[in-house]
């Protein structure tokens, strides 16, 4: 007598665990970067007036960096999750073909 999984394993349950792990890691990374921005504004506000790139001050530069980081992380997240979904789909198709 073989005991199978307690829950029916579907694409959503398998892939959603991966998506959750990746999403939480990206959230933590972005959170650390954002805490740095808030920390500078809180403890060293005059530092934000320093010109760093192309005559832009640190506040503007850091703000653009935050926006671009969010966009790039979103694109990376999408690529990783799409790849994982395709891998699972191919594995499921192969398993059905061999049955």
C-alpha atoms as a PDB file:
ATOM      1  CA  UNK A   1       0.000   0.000   0.000  1.00  0.00           C
ATOM      2  CA  UNK A   2       1.586   3.192  -1.217  1.00  0.00           C
ATOM      3  CA  UNK A   3       0.833   6.469   0.492  1.00  0.00           C
ATOM      4  CA  UNK A   4       0.689   9.314  -2.037  1.00  0.00           C
ATOM      5  CA  UNK A   5       0.936  13.019  -1.338  1.00  0.00           C
ATOM      6  CA  UNK A   6      -1.624  14.504   1.035  1.00  0.00           C
ATOM      7  CA  UNK A   7      -2.390  17.244  -1.468  1.00  0.00           C
ATOM      8  CA  UNK A   8      -2.755  16.881  -5.190  1.00  0.00           C
ATOM      9  CA  UNK A   9       0.424  18.347  -6.689  1.00  0.00           C
ATOM     10  CA  UNK A  10      -0.431  20.762  -9.435  1.00  0.00           C
ATOM     11  CA  UNK A  11       1.508  23.306 -11.436  1.00  0.00           C
ATOM     12  CA  UNK A  12       0.205  26.074  -9.226  1.00  0.00           C
ATOM     13  CA  UNK A  13       1.304  24.505  -5.936  1.00  0.00           C
ATOM     14  CA  UNK A  14       4.774  23.536  -7.149  1.00  0.00           C
ATOM     15  CA  UNK A  15       5.583  26.702  -9.056  1.00  0.00           C
ATOM     16  CA  UNK A  16       3.986  29.037  -6.512  1.00  0.00           C
ATOM     17  CA  UNK A  17       6.443  27.862  -3.832  1.00  0.00           C
ATOM     18  CA  UNK A  18       9.312  28.822  -6.132  1.00  0.00           C
ATOM     19  CA  UNK A  19       7.684  32.163  -6.947  1.00  0.00           C
ATOM     20  CA  UNK A  20       7.205  32.864  -3.249  1.00  0.00           C
ATOM     21  CA  UNK A  21      10.854  32.120  -2.431  1.00  0.00           C
ATOM     22  CA  UNK A  22      12.166  34.289  -5.263  1.00  0.00           C
ATOM     23  CA  UNK A  23       9.711  37.083  -4.485  1.00  0.00           C
ATOM     24  CA  UNK A  24      10.622  37.170  -0.809  1.00  0.00           C
ATOM     25  CA  UNK A  25      14.339  37.250  -1.604  1.00  0.00           C
ATOM     26  CA  UNK A  26      13.870  40.124  -4.015  1.00  0.00           C
ATOM     27  CA  UNK A  27      11.682  41.911  -1.488  1.00  0.00           C
ATOM     28  CA  UNK A  28      14.397  41.546   1.161  1.00  0.00           C
ATOM     29  CA  UNK A  29      17.082  42.865  -1.184  1.00  0.00           C
ATOM     30  CA  UNK A  30      14.944  45.827  -2.229  1.00  0.00           C
ATOM     31  CA  UNK A  31      13.970  46.432   1.390  1.00  0.00           C
ATOM     32  CA  UNK A  32      17.620  46.705   2.426  1.00  0.00           C
ATOM     33  CA  UNK A  33      18.306  49.188  -0.370  1.00  0.00           C
ATOM     34  CA  UNK A  34      15.221  51.219   0.586  1.00  0.00           C
ATOM     35  CA  UNK A  35      16.153  51.192   4.281  1.00  0.00           C
ATOM     36  CA  UNK A  36      19.493  52.693   3.233  1.00  0.00           C
ATOM     37  CA  UNK A  37      17.641  55.542   1.504  1.00  0.00           C
ATOM     38  CA  UNK A  38      15.431  56.160   4.527  1.00  0.00           C
ATOM     39  CA  UNK A  39      18.423  55.874   6.875  1.00  0.00           C
ATOM     40  CA  UNK A  40      20.394  58.505   5.000  1.00  0.00           C
ATOM     41  CA  UNK A  41      17.373  60.815   4.968  1.00  0.00           C
ATOM     42  CA  UNK A  42      16.806  60.280   8.680  1.00  0.00           C
ATOM     43  CA  UNK A  43      20.321  60.429  10.086  1.00  0.00           C
ATOM     44  CA  UNK A  44      22.329  62.337   7.455  1.00  0.00           C
ATOM     45  CA  UNK A  45      19.837  64.536   5.567  1.00  0.00           C
ATOM     46  CA  UNK A  46      22.498  66.996   4.394  1.00  0.00           C
ATOM     47  CA  UNK A  47      24.233  64.152   2.596  1.00  0.00           C
ATOM     48  CA  UNK A  48      21.296  64.031   0.190  1.00  0.00           C
ATOM     49  CA  UNK A  49      22.276  67.471  -1.163  1.00  0.00           C
ATOM     50  CA  UNK A  50      25.711  66.278  -2.318  1.00  0.00           C
ATOM     51  CA  UNK A  51      26.086  66.281  -6.104  1.00  0.00           C
ATOM     52  CA  UNK A  52      27.053  62.816  -7.313  1.00  0.00           C
ATOM     53  CA  UNK A  53      26.254  62.253 -11.000  1.00  0.00           C
ATOM     54  CA  UNK A  54      25.632  64.677 -13.866  1.00  0.00           C
ATOM     55  CA  UNK A  55      25.000  67.482 -11.389  1.00  0.00           C
ATOM     56  CA  UNK A  56      22.187  65.557  -9.698  1.00  0.00           C
ATOM     57  CA  UNK A  57      22.182  65.299  -5.940  1.00  0.00           C
ATOM     58  CA  UNK A  58      22.211  62.021  -4.019  1.00  0.00           C
ATOM     59  CA  UNK A  59      18.465  62.220  -3.285  1.00  0.00           C
ATOM     60  CA  UNK A  60      17.513  62.298  -6.963  1.00  0.00           C
ATOM     61  CA  UNK A  61      20.177  59.777  -7.966  1.00  0.00           C
ATOM     62  CA  UNK A  62      19.183  57.343  -5.212  1.00  0.00           C
ATOM     63  CA  UNK A  63      15.507  57.812  -6.091  1.00  0.00           C
ATOM     64  CA  UNK A  64      16.121  56.957  -9.743  1.00  0.00           C
ATOM     65  CA  UNK A  65      18.247  54.017  -8.615  1.00  0.00           C
ATOM     66  CA  UNK A  66      15.348  52.722  -6.496  1.00  0.00           C
ATOM     67  CA  UNK A  67      12.932  52.997  -9.415  1.00  0.00           C
ATOM     68  CA  UNK A  68      15.276  51.316 -11.887  1.00  0.00           C
ATOM     69  CA  UNK A  69      16.115  48.596  -9.371  1.00  0.00           C
ATOM     70  CA  UNK A  70      12.417  47.806  -8.929  1.00  0.00           C
ATOM     71  CA  UNK A  71      11.912  47.605 -12.694  1.00  0.00           C
ATOM     72  CA  UNK A  72      14.977  45.403 -13.253  1.00  0.00           C
ATOM     73  CA  UNK A  73      14.062  43.128 -10.345  1.00  0.00           C
ATOM     74  CA  UNK A  74      10.533  42.807 -11.736  1.00  0.00           C
ATOM     75  CA  UNK A  75      11.881  41.804 -15.135  1.00  0.00           C
ATOM     76  CA  UNK A  76      14.291  39.297 -13.584  1.00  0.00           C
ATOM     77  CA  UNK A  77      11.498  37.885 -11.401  1.00  0.00           C
ATOM     78  CA  UNK A  78       9.277  37.477 -14.449  1.00  0.00           C
ATOM     79  CA  UNK A  79      12.036  35.760 -16.441  1.00  0.00           C
ATOM     80  CA  UNK A  80      12.881  33.359 -13.595  1.00  0.00           C
ATOM     81  CA  UNK A  81       9.246  32.455 -12.952  1.00  0.00           C
ATOM     82  CA  UNK A  82       8.474  32.001 -16.647  1.00  0.00           C
ATOM     83  CA  UNK A  83      11.486  29.714 -16.998  1.00  0.00           C
ATOM     84  CA  UNK A  84      10.362  27.654 -13.989  1.00  0.00           C
ATOM     85  CA  UNK A  85       6.798  27.381 -15.329  1.00  0.00           C
ATOM     86  CA  UNK A  86       8.092  26.187 -18.702  1.00  0.00           C
ATOM     87  CA  UNK A  87      10.375  23.622 -17.013  1.00  0.00           C
ATOM     88  CA  UNK A  88       7.453  22.289 -15.000  1.00  0.00           C
ATOM     89  CA  UNK A  89       5.202  22.244 -18.053  1.00  0.00           C
ATOM     90  CA  UNK A  90       7.804  20.325 -20.065  1.00  0.00           C
ATOM     91  CA  UNK A  91       8.362  17.857 -17.213  1.00  0.00           C
ATOM     92  CA  UNK A  92       4.597  17.306 -16.912  1.00  0.00           C
ATOM     93  CA  UNK A  93       4.257  16.784 -20.657  1.00  0.00           C
ATOM     94  CA  UNK A  94       7.133  14.282 -20.681  1.00  0.00           C
ATOM     95  CA  UNK A  95       5.660  12.408 -17.707  1.00  0.00           C
ATOM     96  CA  UNK A  96       2.276  12.168 -19.445  1.00  0.00           C
ATOM     97  CA  UNK A  97       3.939  10.981 -22.647  1.00  0.00           C
ATOM     98  CA  UNK A  98       5.738   8.171 -20.789  1.00  0.00           C
ATOM     99  CA  UNK A  99       2.557   7.037 -18.992  1.00  0.00           C
END
